Amino acid sequence: LLREQSKAATTISRYIGGIYVDRAFIGQEGATKPFTPVPLEKQKEAMTALDEYVFSPNAFSHFEENSFDVWVSNPPYIPLKEKASMSKNVIDHEPDIALFVPDSDPLLFYREIARSARLYLKKEGTLYFEIHEAFAELVEELLSSLGFVNIEVRKDLQGKPRMMKARTLSSRHEPQ
């Protein structure tokens, strides 16, 4: 079900700043311009749909609580102050919103995702995160404070803490 929701969101996002492509050939009857910008009204409709169904705090409200075994997330986690020192090929090919968090709140997305995971993960469900090397301890403390157990940090090929795994001891509605 989440896969279908993700596919729909990807399709909708193509209307934002996108173009219609007509693959007609020169002289073809009824051919239009090869590239036509998506009208502003369609772009606004797409933004509204994404805001309501993907980015809303209630985006998962149509799912039952305690209905997932696993959540995997690679949230934005790089403090904005690190942008200047990053590789150009990363900056040029990833939107800022997918990479950066405010310097003042680097755990912003971890906190929100972990809270939702506690609500929707089943008993003994597992949460996986990619993490910023500098925030491993803080993310571990956050998860522990929210009731996650068996928290593990794994290192990447450069030996930096980069992945985190945590389990729920109980469903949200059971005593721990």
C-alpha atoms as a PDB file:
ATOM      1  CA  LEU A   1       0.000   0.000   0.000  1.00  0.00           C
ATOM      2  CA  LEU A   2       2.805   2.436   0.819  1.00  0.00           C
ATOM      3  CA  ARG A   3       4.492   1.568  -2.464  1.00  0.00           C
ATOM      4  CA  GLU A   4       1.355   2.621  -4.337  1.00  0.00           C
ATOM      5  CA  GLN A   5       1.143   5.834  -2.305  1.00  0.00           C
ATOM      6  CA  SER A   6       4.780   6.537  -3.134  1.00  0.00           C
ATOM      7  CA  LYS A   7       4.233   5.930  -6.853  1.00  0.00           C
ATOM      8  CA  ALA A   8       1.236   8.268  -6.840  1.00  0.00           C
ATOM      9  CA  ALA A   9       3.243  10.975  -5.051  1.00  0.00           C
ATOM     10  CA  THR A  10       6.065  10.618  -7.575  1.00  0.00           C
ATOM     11  CA  THR A  11       3.641  10.970 -10.471  1.00  0.00           C
ATOM     12  CA  ILE A  12       1.941  13.995  -8.910  1.00  0.00           C
ATOM     13  CA  SER A  13       5.294  15.667  -8.221  1.00  0.00           C
ATOM     14  CA  ARG A  14       6.107  15.633 -11.945  1.00  0.00           C
ATOM     15  CA  TYR A  15       3.403  18.244 -12.483  1.00  0.00           C
ATOM     16  CA  ILE A  16       5.324  20.744 -10.354  1.00  0.00           C
ATOM     17  CA  GLY A  17       7.629  22.739 -12.587  1.00  0.00           C
ATOM     18  CA  GLY A  18       7.193  20.048 -15.228  1.00  0.00           C
ATOM     19  CA  ILE A  19       6.477  19.945 -18.916  1.00  0.00           C
ATOM     20  CA  TYR A  20       4.194  17.965 -21.165  1.00  0.00           C
ATOM     21  CA  VAL A  21       6.097  16.167 -23.906  1.00  0.00           C
ATOM     22  CA  ASP A  22       4.533  15.508 -27.317  1.00  0.00           C
ATOM     23  CA  ARG A  23       6.553  12.990 -29.288  1.00  0.00           C
ATOM     24  CA  ALA A  24       4.840  13.826 -32.554  1.00  0.00           C
ATOM     25  CA  PHE A  25       7.025  14.281 -35.608  1.00  0.00           C
ATOM     26  CA  ILE A  26       7.228  17.319 -37.873  1.00  0.00           C
ATOM     27  CA  GLY A  27       4.250  17.489 -40.190  1.00  0.00           C
ATOM     28  CA  GLN A  28       2.151  15.021 -38.207  1.00  0.00           C
ATOM     29  CA  GLU A  29      -1.527  15.963 -38.278  1.00  0.00           C
ATOM     30  CA  GLY A  30      -2.717  17.327 -34.919  1.00  0.00           C
ATOM     31  CA  ALA A  31       0.820  17.629 -33.529  1.00  0.00           C
ATOM     32  CA  THR A  32       1.426  20.196 -30.827  1.00  0.00           C
ATOM     33  CA  LYS A  33       4.587  21.856 -29.594  1.00  0.00           C
ATOM     34  CA  PRO A  34       7.124  19.264 -28.444  1.00  0.00           C
ATOM     35  CA  PHE A  35       7.397  20.778 -24.951  1.00  0.00           C
ATOM     36  CA  THR A  36       4.580  22.578 -23.154  1.00  0.00           C
ATOM     37  CA  PRO A  37       4.938  23.821 -19.566  1.00  0.00           C
ATOM     38  CA  VAL A  38       2.445  22.411 -17.092  1.00  0.00           C
ATOM     39  CA  PRO A  39      -0.116  25.188 -16.441  1.00  0.00           C
ATOM     40  CA  LEU A  40       0.243  27.012 -13.138  1.00  0.00           C
ATOM     41  CA  GLU A  41      -3.201  25.845 -11.973  1.00  0.00           C
ATOM     42  CA  LYS A  42      -2.206  22.173 -12.470  1.00  0.00           C
ATOM     43  CA  GLN A  43       1.008  22.809 -10.547  1.00  0.00           C
ATOM     44  CA  LYS A  44      -0.987  24.316  -7.678  1.00  0.00           C
ATOM     45  CA  GLU A  45      -3.325  21.295  -7.664  1.00  0.00           C
ATOM     46  CA  ALA A  46      -0.311  18.990  -7.481  1.00  0.00           C
ATOM     47  CA  MET A  47       1.192  20.960  -4.581  1.00  0.00           C
ATOM     48  CA  THR A  48      -2.121  20.819  -2.722  1.00  0.00           C
ATOM     49  CA  ALA A  49      -2.369  17.048  -3.215  1.00  0.00           C
ATOM     50  CA  LEU A  50       1.201  16.474  -2.007  1.00  0.00           C
ATOM     51  CA  ASP A  51       0.645  18.766   0.968  1.00  0.00           C
ATOM     52  CA  GLU A  52      -2.528  16.920   1.963  1.00  0.00           C
ATOM     53  CA  TYR A  53      -1.550  13.305   1.268  1.00  0.00           C
ATOM     54  CA  VAL A  54       2.236  13.178   1.663  1.00  0.00           C
ATOM     55  CA  PHE A  55       3.552  16.016   3.824  1.00  0.00           C
ATOM     56  CA  SER A  56       0.628  16.375   6.215  1.00  0.00           C
ATOM     57  CA  PRO A  57       1.033  15.244   9.827  1.00  0.00           C
ATOM     58  CA  ASN A  58      -2.039  13.107   9.090  1.00  0.00           C
ATOM     59  CA  ALA A  59      -0.562  11.482   5.978  1.00  0.00           C
ATOM     60  CA  PHE A  60      -0.725   8.053   7.595  1.00  0.00           C
ATOM     61  CA  SER A  61      -4.110   8.521   9.276  1.00  0.00           C
ATOM     62  CA  HIS A  62      -5.806   6.116   6.871  1.00  0.00           C
ATOM     63  CA  PHE A  63      -3.563   3.314   8.162  1.00  0.00           C
ATOM     64  CA  GLU A  64      -4.410   1.442  11.324  1.00  0.00           C
ATOM     65  CA  GLU A  65      -2.144   1.936  14.312  1.00  0.00           C
ATOM     66  CA  ASN A  66       0.284  -0.925  14.953  1.00  0.00           C
ATOM     67  CA  SER A  67       0.037  -2.112  11.338  1.00  0.00           C
ATOM     68  CA  PHE A  68       3.668  -2.042  10.120  1.00  0.00           C
ATOM     69  CA  ASP A  69       6.505  -4.459  10.808  1.00  0.00           C
ATOM     70  CA  VAL A  70       9.276  -2.211   9.471  1.00  0.00           C
ATOM     71  CA  TRP A  71       9.882   1.467   8.734  1.00  0.00           C
ATOM     72  CA  VAL A  72      12.930   2.574   6.732  1.00  0.00           C
ATOM     73  CA  SER A  73      13.850   6.229   6.417  1.00  0.00           C
ATOM     74  CA  ASN A  74      16.662   8.322   5.023  1.00  0.00           C
ATOM     75  CA  PRO A  75      15.499  11.739   6.202  1.00  0.00           C
ATOM     76  CA  PRO A  76      17.262  15.036   5.595  1.00  0.00           C
ATOM     77  CA  TYR A  77      19.987  15.214   8.254  1.00  0.00           C
ATOM     78  CA  ILE A  78      22.790  17.501   7.115  1.00  0.00           C
ATOM     79  CA  PRO A  79      22.976  20.816   8.994  1.00  0.00           C
ATOM     80  CA  LEU A  80      22.703  23.727   6.579  1.00  0.00           C
ATOM     81  CA  LYS A  81      26.062  25.084   7.797  1.00  0.00           C
ATOM     82  CA  GLU A  82      27.764  22.069   6.138  1.00  0.00           C
ATOM     83  CA  LYS A  83      26.464  22.911   2.646  1.00  0.00           C
ATOM     84  CA  ALA A  84      29.509  25.019   1.729  1.00  0.00           C
ATOM     85  CA  SER A  85      31.888  22.110   2.366  1.00  0.00           C
ATOM     86  CA  MET A  86      29.904  19.496   0.421  1.00  0.00           C
ATOM     87  CA  SER A  87      30.775  17.997  -2.936  1.00  0.00           C
ATOM     88  CA  LYS A  88      29.384  19.870  -5.925  1.00  0.00           C
ATOM     89  CA  ASN A  89      27.988  16.678  -7.472  1.00  0.00           C
ATOM     90  CA  VAL A  90      25.744  16.181  -4.405  1.00  0.00           C
ATOM     91  CA  ILE A  91      24.600  19.805  -4.223  1.00  0.00           C
ATOM     92  CA  ASP A  92      23.869  19.936  -7.972  1.00  0.00           C
ATOM     93  CA  HIS A  93      21.826  16.716  -8.087  1.00  0.00           C
ATOM     94  CA  GLU A  94      19.815  16.689  -4.860  1.00  0.00           C
ATOM     95  CA  PRO A  95      17.253  19.284  -3.815  1.00  0.00           C
ATOM     96  CA  ASP A  96      18.096  21.114  -0.593  1.00  0.00           C
ATOM     97  CA  ILE A  97      14.886  19.892   1.025  1.00  0.00           C
ATOM     98  CA  ALA A  98      16.108  16.281   0.673  1.00  0.00           C
ATOM     99  CA  LEU A  99      19.455  16.995   2.333  1.00  0.00           C
ATOM    100  CA  PHE A 100      19.394  19.780   4.879  1.00  0.00           C
ATOM    101  CA  VAL A 101      17.954  20.478   8.305  1.00  0.00           C
ATOM    102  CA  PRO A 102      18.052  23.714  10.272  1.00  0.00           C
ATOM    103  CA  ASP A 103      21.292  24.098  12.224  1.00  0.00           C
ATOM    104  CA  SER A 104      19.156  24.810  15.288  1.00  0.00           C
ATOM    105  CA  ASP A 105      17.224  21.488  15.102  1.00  0.00           C
ATOM    106  CA  PRO A 106      19.208  18.686  13.433  1.00  0.00           C
ATOM    107  CA  LEU A 107      16.897  15.988  14.874  1.00  0.00           C
ATOM    108  CA  LEU A 108      13.751  17.548  13.402  1.00  0.00           C
ATOM    109  CA  PHE A 109      12.888  14.691  11.033  1.00  0.00           C
ATOM    110  CA  TYR A 110      14.172  11.897  13.269  1.00  0.00           C
ATOM    111  CA  ARG A 111      11.863  13.087  16.043  1.00  0.00           C
ATOM    112  CA  GLU A 112       8.756  13.250  13.858  1.00  0.00           C
ATOM    113  CA  ILE A 113       9.435   9.955  12.099  1.00  0.00           C
ATOM    114  CA  ALA A 114      10.190   8.141  15.362  1.00  0.00           C
ATOM    115  CA  ARG A 115       6.984   9.451  16.969  1.00  0.00           C
ATOM    116  CA  SER A 116       4.953   8.238  14.015  1.00  0.00           C
ATOM    117  CA  ALA A 117       6.805   4.925  13.980  1.00  0.00           C
ATOM    118  CA  ARG A 118       5.856   4.331  17.631  1.00  0.00           C
ATOM    119  CA  LEU A 119       2.251   4.813  16.622  1.00  0.00           C
ATOM    120  CA  TYR A 120       2.243   2.639  13.516  1.00  0.00           C
ATOM    121  CA  LEU A 121       4.833  -0.080  14.188  1.00  0.00           C
ATOM    122  CA  LYS A 122       3.648  -3.400  15.555  1.00  0.00           C
ATOM    123  CA  LYS A 123       4.986  -4.977  18.714  1.00  0.00           C
ATOM    124  CA  GLU A 124       8.657  -5.793  18.058  1.00  0.00           C
ATOM    125  CA  GLY A 125       8.558  -3.663  14.902  1.00  0.00           C
ATOM    126  CA  THR A 126      11.818  -2.284  13.535  1.00  0.00           C
ATOM    127  CA  LEU A 127      12.806   1.231  12.561  1.00  0.00           C
ATOM    128  CA  TYR A 128      15.858   1.863  10.352  1.00  0.00           C
ATOM    129  CA  PHE A 129      17.466   5.271   9.797  1.00  0.00           C
ATOM    130  CA  GLU A 130      20.390   6.648   7.890  1.00  0.00           C
ATOM    131  CA  ILE A 131      22.029   9.072  10.302  1.00  0.00           C
ATOM    132  CA  HIS A 132      24.517  11.916  10.364  1.00  0.00           C
ATOM    133  CA  GLU A 133      27.789  10.759  11.881  1.00  0.00           C
ATOM    134  CA  ALA A 134      27.811  13.618  14.393  1.00  0.00           C
ATOM    135  CA  PHE A 135      24.329  12.876  15.728  1.00  0.00           C
ATOM    136  CA  ALA A 136      24.440   9.128  16.405  1.00  0.00           C
ATOM    137  CA  GLU A 137      24.353   9.544  20.193  1.00  0.00           C
ATOM    138  CA  LEU A 138      21.588  12.150  20.062  1.00  0.00           C
ATOM    139  CA  VAL A 139      19.411  10.009  17.784  1.00  0.00           C
ATOM    140  CA  GLU A 140      20.030   7.001  20.033  1.00  0.00           C
ATOM    141  CA  GLU A 141      18.968   9.029  23.094  1.00  0.00           C
ATOM    142  CA  LEU A 142      15.890  10.275  21.252  1.00  0.00           C
ATOM    143  CA  LEU A 143      14.815   6.775  20.269  1.00  0.00           C
ATOM    144  CA  SER A 144      15.412   5.463  23.776  1.00  0.00           C
ATOM    145  CA  SER A 145      13.329   8.293  25.258  1.00  0.00           C
ATOM    146  CA  LEU A 146      10.468   7.339  22.944  1.00  0.00           C
ATOM    147  CA  GLY A 147      10.505   3.716  24.115  1.00  0.00           C
ATOM    148  CA  PHE A 148      12.607   2.057  21.423  1.00  0.00           C
ATOM    149  CA  VAL A 149      14.924  -0.754  22.530  1.00  0.00           C
ATOM    150  CA  ASN A 150      17.776  -2.840  21.099  1.00  0.00           C
ATOM    151  CA  ILE A 151      19.161   0.261  19.422  1.00  0.00           C
ATOM    152  CA  GLU A 152      22.138  -0.500  17.193  1.00  0.00           C
ATOM    153  CA  VAL A 153      24.461   1.847  15.332  1.00  0.00           C
ATOM    154  CA  ARG A 154      26.297   0.535  12.261  1.00  0.00           C
ATOM    155  CA  LYS A 155      29.278   2.105  10.547  1.00  0.00           C
ATOM    156  CA  ASP A 156      29.702   2.789   6.855  1.00  0.00           C
ATOM    157  CA  LEU A 157      32.698   1.734   4.755  1.00  0.00           C
ATOM    158  CA  GLN A 158      34.672   4.741   6.039  1.00  0.00           C
ATOM    159  CA  GLY A 159      34.075   3.653   9.635  1.00  0.00           C
ATOM    160  CA  LYS A 160      31.621   6.479  10.401  1.00  0.00           C
ATOM    161  CA  PRO A 161      28.375   5.820  12.286  1.00  0.00           C
ATOM    162  CA  ARG A 162      25.805   5.970   9.510  1.00  0.00           C
ATOM    163  CA  MET A 163      22.926   3.532  10.121  1.00  0.00           C
ATOM    164  CA  MET A 164      20.661   2.959  13.088  1.00  0.00           C
ATOM    165  CA  LYS A 165      18.254   0.169  13.894  1.00  0.00           C
ATOM    166  CA  ALA A 166      15.749   0.216  16.765  1.00  0.00           C
ATOM    167  CA  ARG A 167      12.892  -2.029  17.853  1.00  0.00           C
ATOM    168  CA  THR A 168       9.641  -1.462  19.600  1.00  0.00           C
ATOM    169  CA  LEU A 169       9.225  -3.527  22.754  1.00  0.00           C
ATOM    170  CA  SER A 170       5.453  -3.331  22.634  1.00  0.00           C
ATOM    171  CA  SER A 171       2.736  -1.838  20.541  1.00  0.00           C
ATOM    172  CA  ARG A 172       1.793   1.682  21.495  1.00  0.00           C
ATOM    173  CA  HIS A 173      -1.230   0.410  23.406  1.00  0.00           C
ATOM    174  CA  GLU A 174       0.496  -2.168  25.584  1.00  0.00           C
ATOM    175  CA  PRO A 175       2.418  -1.545  28.786  1.00  0.00           C
ATOM    176  CA  GLN A 176       6.160  -1.814  28.266  1.00  0.00           C
END
